[in-house]
Amino acid sequence: MEKFNAEKLARGVSRTFQPYVAGKPIETLKRELGLKNIIKIASNENPLGPSKKAVKAMKDVADKVYFYPDFNSTDLKMALAKHYKLTINNVFVGCGSDELIEIISRVYFNHDDEIVMSKHSFTRYQMAVKLMEAKSVVVEMKEGFVHDLKAMAKACSKNTKAVFITNPNNPTGTYNTKKEFEEFLKILPTNKYGVKPLVISDEAYCEYASYKKDYPNTLNYLAKNPNLIILRTFSKIYAMAGARVGYGLSSLSVVDYIERVRPPFNLNKFAQVGAIASLQDKSQVSRSLAHVRKEFKFIFSNLKKLGIKYIDSAGNFFLMYVAPLKGKEVFEAMLKEGVIIRAMDEYELYDYVRVTVGTRKENELFLKKIKKVLKK
């Protein structure tokens, strides 16, 4: 009997498609390395944890788990609409921003479309584009690892269907200003369809950047820019990464088509009620932002004393320059010391590692171990 070969049935693009590689869980590394104590400051999670109100809300629905959740996440959409002073039809939700990026791609990207993005931005964009067999147009960053929005607008052709902008950017932590974003929207050309391309502003870390006076509030541009899609998440400052709650804000026409493709029941019951409760807890954002600003001062002052270069960040993470060592070497050495950070090879930043702001105790341990590894 001939062995079944799944490759013969798979779409051609899937044969060379590489899966996204996330950081390993702490328990897995404990088993692999034989270490008892490991800290993880690699995935830009909030070490303060979620709102107590969110945790209580999730516990309160545990005995109702045998029911399907609301297939439309109606209460969560209503809460987000109220929070942002929009209508419920301006809101869509998904199992993290990752799912939303893929849904948008399935709705809008064809094989002959061009999708513009910046080099060193979130790798999921190129993955989504490749899966739809469209073309990624990658634009070099400006000095200082900042998106060059003018160059990105110039890179748009008649075939451009969308532009991805990560603001603040992951993994560099840099951001584009209000002035830069407004100018970009003005100079963005129309395509062969007679409209401007979709502008997908991925703002997973926007709450952390809110203290920056020149950081753009993209909600102000929605009314005059129906091609704008704003993506946000409860994974970062709201500390609900394990619940996987992403959401988008856009014009009625854009959301209408996204809703046609969005899978029903794509947010479970716990995710829905936890996100609503978290959104209502005003202290969650303020205390988390205050913690990050305080810990950045502590970390950066110590890195300066050690002579270690880093890039200032508007997120809850930062890039650190580790040459003459390579980022992967430092990542592996730090693992042996019980500290998980992130190498940046997939972003072609081979001389850097990305580090998440942890608790004070975690940050102190990180500084102690990085000093040892870099021999400072």
Protein backbone atom coordinates (compact mmCIF):
# COMPACT_ATOMS: atom_id res chain seq x y z
CA MET A 1 0.00 0.00 0.00
CA GLU A 2 1.40 3.39 -1.01
CA LYS A 3 2.15 5.74 1.87
CA PHE A 4 0.05 8.87 1.99
CA ASN A 5 1.98 12.02 1.00
CA ALA A 6 0.27 15.16 2.29
CA GLU A 7 2.70 17.33 0.31
CA LYS A 8 0.92 16.35 -2.90
CA LEU A 9 -2.28 17.98 -1.65
CA ALA A 10 -0.78 21.03 0.06
CA ARG A 11 -0.80 24.44 -1.57
CA GLY A 12 2.61 25.22 -3.04
CA VAL A 13 3.26 28.16 -0.72
CA SER A 14 2.78 25.97 2.37
CA ARG A 15 5.69 23.72 1.37
CA THR A 16 8.22 26.47 2.05
CA PHE A 17 6.24 28.21 4.79
CA GLN A 18 8.07 28.48 8.11
CA PRO A 19 5.99 28.62 11.31
CA TYR A 20 6.29 31.44 13.80
CA VAL A 21 8.69 30.47 16.58
CA ALA A 22 7.63 31.72 20.00
CA GLY A 23 9.68 31.64 23.15
CA LYS A 24 9.64 28.39 25.09
CA PRO A 25 7.54 28.16 28.26
CA ILE A 26 9.41 28.37 31.55
CA GLU A 27 8.46 24.83 32.62
CA THR A 28 9.81 23.38 29.37
CA LEU A 29 13.15 25.10 29.84
CA LYS A 30 13.35 23.98 33.46
CA ARG A 31 13.13 20.38 32.27
CA GLU A 32 15.56 20.86 29.39
CA LEU A 33 18.20 22.80 31.33
CA GLY A 34 17.75 21.21 34.73
CA LEU A 35 17.32 24.60 36.39
CA LYS A 36 14.98 25.22 39.30
CA ASN A 37 14.59 28.96 38.93
CA ILE A 38 14.11 30.72 35.59
CA ILE A 39 12.75 34.19 34.83
CA LYS A 40 11.19 35.04 31.49
CA ILE A 41 11.65 38.58 30.17
CA ALA A 42 11.40 37.70 26.50
CA SER A 43 7.81 38.04 25.27
CA ASN A 44 6.83 41.59 26.34
CA GLU A 45 4.38 40.35 28.96
CA ASN A 46 3.26 42.53 31.86
CA PRO A 47 4.86 41.19 35.07
CA LEU A 48 2.31 42.93 37.28
CA GLY A 49 -0.36 40.58 36.03
CA PRO A 50 -3.99 41.26 35.06
CA SER A 51 -6.61 43.27 36.84
CA LYS A 52 -8.05 41.49 39.88
CA LYS A 53 -11.46 42.40 38.52
CA ALA A 54 -10.66 40.54 35.31
CA VAL A 55 -9.52 37.44 37.21
CA LYS A 56 -12.70 37.47 39.30
CA ALA A 57 -14.88 37.87 36.20
CA MET A 58 -13.24 34.86 34.56
CA LYS A 59 -13.62 32.74 37.69
CA ASP A 60 -17.28 33.69 37.97
CA VAL A 61 -18.13 32.14 34.59
CA ALA A 62 -16.17 28.91 35.08
CA ASP A 63 -19.29 26.90 35.91
CA LYS A 64 -20.91 28.05 32.65
CA VAL A 65 -18.15 26.74 30.43
CA TYR A 66 -20.42 24.02 29.00
CA PHE A 67 -22.27 26.77 27.09
CA TYR A 68 -20.83 28.15 23.87
CA PRO A 69 -19.64 31.75 24.26
CA ASP A 70 -21.40 34.59 22.46
CA PHE A 71 -20.37 33.90 18.85
CA ASN A 72 -20.21 37.65 18.15
CA SER A 73 -18.56 38.83 21.42
CA THR A 74 -21.35 41.42 21.55
CA ASP A 75 -20.83 42.67 25.11
CA LEU A 76 -17.09 43.11 24.56
CA LYS A 77 -17.67 44.98 21.29
CA MET A 78 -20.19 47.22 23.05
CA ALA A 79 -17.71 47.90 25.86
CA LEU A 80 -14.97 48.79 23.36
CA ALA A 81 -17.34 50.97 21.33
CA LYS A 82 -18.34 52.86 24.48
CA HIS A 83 -14.71 53.19 25.59
CA TYR A 84 -13.66 54.71 22.26
CA LYS A 85 -16.94 56.55 21.53
CA LEU A 86 -17.61 54.56 18.37
CA THR A 87 -20.46 52.33 17.22
CA ILE A 88 -20.38 48.58 17.73
CA ASN A 89 -20.09 48.23 13.94
CA ASN A 90 -16.71 49.98 14.06
CA VAL A 91 -15.28 47.17 16.23
CA PHE A 92 -14.06 43.65 15.46
CA VAL A 93 -12.34 41.18 17.77
CA GLY A 94 -10.13 38.14 17.46
CA CYS A 95 -7.98 35.56 19.15
CA GLY A 96 -5.07 37.97 19.54
CA SER A 97 -3.84 40.44 16.91
CA ASP A 98 -2.28 37.47 15.09
CA GLU A 99 -5.70 36.17 14.08
CA LEU A 100 -6.85 39.64 13.06
CA ILE A 101 -3.83 40.08 10.78
CA GLU A 102 -4.64 36.77 9.09
CA ILE A 103 -8.35 37.60 8.75
CA ILE A 104 -7.56 40.95 7.15
CA SER A 105 -5.16 39.18 4.78
CA ARG A 106 -7.77 36.60 3.80
CA VAL A 107 -10.34 39.31 3.13
CA TYR A 108 -8.19 41.73 1.14
CA PHE A 109 -4.92 40.26 -0.21
CA ASN A 110 -4.69 38.66 -3.67
CA HIS A 111 -1.70 37.04 -5.36
CA ASP A 112 -1.02 40.14 -7.51
CA ASP A 113 -1.24 42.63 -4.61
CA GLU A 114 1.72 44.42 -3.04
CA ILE A 115 1.80 44.97 0.72
CA VAL A 116 4.20 47.62 2.04
CA MET A 117 5.90 47.27 5.42
CA SER A 118 9.04 48.39 7.21
CA LYS A 119 12.15 46.33 7.70
CA HIS A 120 12.59 45.13 11.30
CA SER A 121 8.83 45.24 11.97
CA PHE A 122 6.64 42.42 13.28
CA THR A 123 7.37 39.23 11.34
CA ARG A 124 3.72 38.13 11.22
CA TYR A 125 3.01 40.62 8.42
CA GLN A 126 5.31 38.93 5.94
CA MET A 127 3.99 35.53 6.99
CA ALA A 128 0.38 36.58 6.34
CA VAL A 129 1.30 38.10 2.98
CA LYS A 130 3.21 35.01 1.90
CA LEU A 131 0.33 32.73 2.86
CA MET A 132 -1.96 34.69 0.53
CA GLU A 133 0.75 34.59 -2.18
CA ALA A 134 0.89 38.38 -2.37
CA LYS A 135 4.14 40.37 -2.51
CA SER A 136 5.85 42.00 0.48
CA VAL A 137 7.51 45.35 -0.29
CA VAL A 138 9.98 45.94 2.54
CA VAL A 139 11.26 49.49 3.14
CA GLU A 140 14.47 50.28 5.03
CA MET A 141 14.16 52.10 8.34
CA LYS A 142 15.53 55.54 9.06
CA GLU A 143 18.54 56.04 11.30
CA GLY A 144 17.68 55.05 14.84
CA PHE A 145 15.45 52.14 13.76
CA VAL A 146 12.40 54.33 13.08
CA HIS A 147 9.89 53.59 10.28
CA ASP A 148 10.50 55.85 7.28
CA LEU A 149 6.87 56.69 6.54
CA LYS A 150 7.72 59.00 3.63
CA ALA A 151 9.71 56.22 1.96
CA MET A 152 6.90 53.76 2.66
CA ALA A 153 4.41 56.07 0.95
CA LYS A 154 6.75 56.42 -2.04
CA ALA A 155 7.07 52.62 -2.20
CA CYS A 156 3.33 52.33 -2.83
CA SER A 157 2.43 51.50 -6.43
CA LYS A 158 -0.80 50.95 -8.34
CA ASN A 159 -0.73 47.37 -7.01
CA THR A 160 -0.43 48.33 -3.33
CA LYS A 161 -3.36 46.96 -1.35
CA ALA A 162 -2.17 47.75 2.20
CA VAL A 163 0.56 49.27 4.37
CA PHE A 164 1.48 47.85 7.78
CA ILE A 165 2.77 50.29 10.41
CA THR A 166 3.74 49.03 13.86
CA ASN A 167 3.58 51.94 16.30
CA PRO A 168 5.40 51.63 18.66
CA ASN A 169 7.42 49.12 16.70
CA ASN A 170 8.16 45.61 17.88
CA PRO A 171 11.05 44.77 18.28
CA THR A 172 12.83 48.17 18.18
CA GLY A 173 10.57 50.05 20.62
CA THR A 174 10.72 53.17 18.44
CA TYR A 175 7.64 55.11 17.34
CA ASN A 176 6.39 57.49 14.68
CA THR A 177 5.10 60.89 15.73
CA LYS A 178 1.74 62.50 15.18
CA LYS A 179 3.26 64.82 12.55
CA GLU A 180 4.84 61.91 10.67
CA PHE A 181 1.62 59.88 10.68
CA GLU A 182 -0.53 62.79 9.51
CA GLU A 183 1.88 63.57 6.67
CA PHE A 184 1.90 59.90 5.64
CA LEU A 185 -1.91 59.81 5.41
CA LYS A 186 -1.84 62.94 3.20
CA ILE A 187 0.80 61.72 0.73
CA LEU A 188 -0.39 58.12 0.45
CA PRO A 189 -1.24 57.64 -3.26
CA THR A 190 -4.28 55.91 -4.72
CA ASN A 191 -3.95 52.47 -6.28
CA LYS A 192 -5.39 50.82 -9.40
CA TYR A 193 -8.69 50.36 -7.59
CA GLY A 194 -9.03 54.15 -7.36
CA VAL A 195 -8.72 54.25 -3.56
CA LYS A 196 -5.93 54.65 -1.07
CA PRO A 197 -4.46 51.38 0.29
CA LEU A 198 -5.48 50.09 3.68
CA VAL A 199 -3.34 51.56 6.46
CA ILE A 200 -3.05 48.93 9.18
CA SER A 201 -1.74 50.61 12.32
CA ASP A 202 -0.68 47.87 14.72
CA GLU A 203 -0.71 49.48 18.17
CA ALA A 204 -0.19 46.63 20.62
CA TYR A 205 1.91 48.88 22.87
CA CYS A 206 0.00 52.15 22.43
CA GLU A 207 -0.89 52.47 26.12
CA TYR A 208 2.80 52.33 27.04
CA ALA A 209 3.54 55.07 24.48
CA SER A 210 0.70 57.32 25.66
CA TYR A 211 3.01 59.40 27.85
CA LYS A 212 4.80 60.62 24.71
CA LYS A 213 3.23 63.99 23.85
CA ASP A 214 3.85 63.53 20.11
CA TYR A 215 2.55 59.96 19.91
CA PRO A 216 -0.47 59.94 17.55
CA ASN A 217 -3.97 59.10 18.71
CA THR A 218 -5.02 57.39 15.49
CA LEU A 219 -8.67 57.33 16.56
CA ASN A 220 -8.73 61.00 15.61
CA TYR A 221 -8.11 60.06 11.96
CA LEU A 222 -10.76 57.36 11.54
CA ALA A 223 -13.57 59.66 10.43
CA LYS A 224 -11.64 61.13 7.49
CA ASN A 225 -9.66 57.99 6.66
CA PRO A 226 -12.04 55.04 6.12
CA ASN A 227 -9.05 52.99 4.87
CA LEU A 228 -7.48 53.07 8.35
CA ILE A 229 -7.50 49.91 10.49
CA ILE A 230 -6.30 50.21 14.09
CA LEU A 231 -5.23 46.99 15.81
CA ARG A 232 -4.88 46.80 19.60
CA THR A 233 -4.72 44.07 22.20
CA PHE A 234 -5.35 43.05 25.80
CA SER A 235 -2.14 40.96 25.80
CA LYS A 236 0.32 43.68 26.78
CA ILE A 237 -0.53 46.39 29.30
CA TYR A 238 -3.74 44.56 30.31
CA ALA A 239 -1.66 41.42 31.01
CA MET A 240 -4.08 38.98 29.38
CA ALA A 241 -1.69 37.37 26.89
CA GLY A 242 -2.85 33.90 27.91
CA ALA A 243 -6.48 34.75 27.13
CA ARG A 244 -5.68 35.93 23.56
CA VAL A 245 -7.87 39.00 23.05
CA GLY A 246 -7.12 41.31 20.15
CA TYR A 247 -9.41 43.90 18.63
CA GLY A 248 -9.62 46.27 15.71
CA LEU A 249 -11.26 49.63 15.04
CA SER A 250 -12.13 50.78 11.54
CA SER A 251 -14.80 52.17 9.21
CA LEU A 252 -18.17 50.45 8.87
CA SER A 253 -17.39 49.17 5.37
CA VAL A 254 -14.04 47.64 6.33
CA VAL A 255 -15.44 45.96 9.45
CA ASP A 256 -18.40 44.62 7.46
CA TYR A 257 -16.11 42.56 5.24
CA ILE A 258 -13.92 41.43 8.14
CA GLU A 259 -17.01 40.21 9.99
CA ARG A 260 -18.02 38.10 6.99
CA VAL A 261 -14.77 36.08 7.27
CA ARG A 262 -14.23 36.13 11.05
CA PRO A 263 -14.82 32.66 12.54
CA PRO A 264 -17.76 32.43 14.95
CA PHE A 265 -16.93 31.79 18.62
CA ASN A 266 -13.34 33.01 18.01
CA LEU A 267 -13.17 34.44 21.54
CA ASN A 268 -13.94 32.08 24.42
CA LYS A 269 -16.16 33.01 27.35
CA PHE A 270 -13.26 33.70 29.73
CA ALA A 271 -11.55 36.00 27.24
CA GLN A 272 -14.71 38.01 26.66
CA VAL A 273 -15.64 38.67 30.30
CA GLY A 274 -12.01 39.15 31.38
CA ALA A 275 -11.41 41.78 28.72
CA ILE A 276 -14.57 43.69 29.64
CA ALA A 277 -13.65 43.76 33.34
CA SER A 278 -10.07 44.73 32.56
CA LEU A 279 -11.19 47.61 30.36
CA GLN A 280 -13.32 48.93 33.21
CA ASP A 281 -10.40 48.85 35.69
CA LYS A 282 -8.80 52.25 35.08
CA SER A 283 -5.93 51.54 37.47
CA GLN A 284 -4.60 48.68 35.31
CA VAL A 285 -3.15 50.98 32.66
CA SER A 286 -1.89 53.69 35.02
CA ARG A 287 -0.08 51.36 37.42
CA SER A 288 1.47 49.33 34.63
CA LEU A 289 2.70 52.41 32.78
CA ALA A 290 4.13 53.88 35.99
CA HIS A 291 5.96 50.62 36.68
CA VAL A 292 7.57 50.50 33.24
CA ARG A 293 8.70 54.13 33.34
CA LYS A 294 10.24 53.62 36.79
CA GLU A 295 11.99 50.39 35.83
CA PHE A 296 13.33 51.83 32.56
CA LYS A 297 15.12 54.52 34.55
CA PHE A 298 16.62 51.85 36.80
CA ILE A 299 17.67 49.53 33.97
CA PHE A 300 19.02 52.20 31.63
CA SER A 301 21.03 53.97 34.33
CA ASN A 302 22.73 50.66 35.16
CA LEU A 303 23.35 49.79 31.50
CA LYS A 304 25.01 53.18 31.03
CA LYS A 305 27.31 52.49 33.97
CA LEU A 306 28.26 49.18 32.37
CA GLY A 307 28.86 50.83 28.99
CA ILE A 308 26.17 48.72 27.29
CA LYS A 309 24.34 50.35 24.37
CA TYR A 310 20.58 50.18 24.05
CA ILE A 311 17.72 51.81 22.14
CA ASP A 312 15.25 53.91 24.10
CA SER A 313 11.76 52.49 23.91
CA ALA A 314 8.14 53.61 23.96
CA GLY A 315 7.01 50.06 24.76
CA ASN A 316 7.63 47.75 27.72
CA PHE A 317 10.78 46.25 26.17
CA PHE A 318 14.02 47.43 24.63
CA LEU A 319 16.73 46.39 22.20
CA MET A 320 20.24 45.95 23.58
CA TYR A 321 23.43 45.93 21.49
CA VAL A 322 25.70 43.00 22.41
CA ALA A 323 28.48 43.04 19.78
CA PRO A 324 31.14 41.70 19.43
CA LEU A 325 28.97 38.77 20.56
CA LYS A 326 25.93 37.77 18.52
CA GLY A 327 22.45 38.03 19.96
CA LYS A 328 21.91 34.29 19.72
CA GLU A 329 25.12 33.64 21.69
CA VAL A 330 24.00 36.01 24.44
CA PHE A 331 20.51 34.48 24.44
CA GLU A 332 21.94 30.97 24.93
CA ALA A 333 24.40 32.13 27.59
CA MET A 334 21.65 33.90 29.52
CA LEU A 335 19.48 30.76 29.35
CA LYS A 336 22.17 28.89 31.25
CA GLU A 337 22.00 31.66 33.85
CA GLY A 338 18.24 31.17 34.22
CA VAL A 339 17.20 34.30 32.31
CA ILE A 340 15.11 34.09 29.12
CA ILE A 341 15.53 37.03 26.75
CA ARG A 342 14.99 37.08 22.98
CA ALA A 343 17.51 36.82 20.14
CA MET A 344 16.60 38.90 17.09
CA ASP A 345 17.81 36.74 14.20
CA GLU A 346 14.35 36.52 12.60
CA TYR A 347 14.38 40.33 12.40
CA GLU A 348 17.89 40.41 10.91
CA LEU A 349 19.16 42.20 14.01
CA TYR A 350 21.96 39.78 14.70
CA ASP A 351 23.90 42.01 17.12
CA TYR A 352 20.92 42.68 19.39
CA VAL A 353 18.71 41.01 21.97
CA ARG A 354 15.26 42.15 23.07
CA VAL A 355 14.52 42.41 26.78
CA THR A 356 11.14 42.87 28.48
CA VAL A 357 10.81 45.06 31.56
CA GLY A 358 10.20 42.74 34.51
CA THR A 359 9.68 43.23 38.22
CA ARG A 360 12.45 45.01 40.14
CA LYS A 361 13.75 41.65 41.37
CA GLU A 362 13.79 40.26 37.82
CA ASN A 363 15.47 43.37 36.45
CA GLU A 364 18.16 43.20 39.11
CA LEU A 365 18.85 39.56 38.23
CA PHE A 366 18.96 40.43 34.52
CA LEU A 367 21.54 43.16 35.11
CA LYS A 368 23.64 40.86 37.26
CA LYS A 369 23.62 38.09 34.65
CA ILE A 370 24.13 40.30 31.58
CA LYS A 371 27.14 41.85 33.28
CA LYS A 372 28.57 38.36 33.74
CA VAL A 373 27.79 37.21 30.19
CA LEU A 374 29.14 40.35 28.52
CA LYS A 375 32.09 40.43 30.95
CA LYS A 376 31.54 44.03 31.94
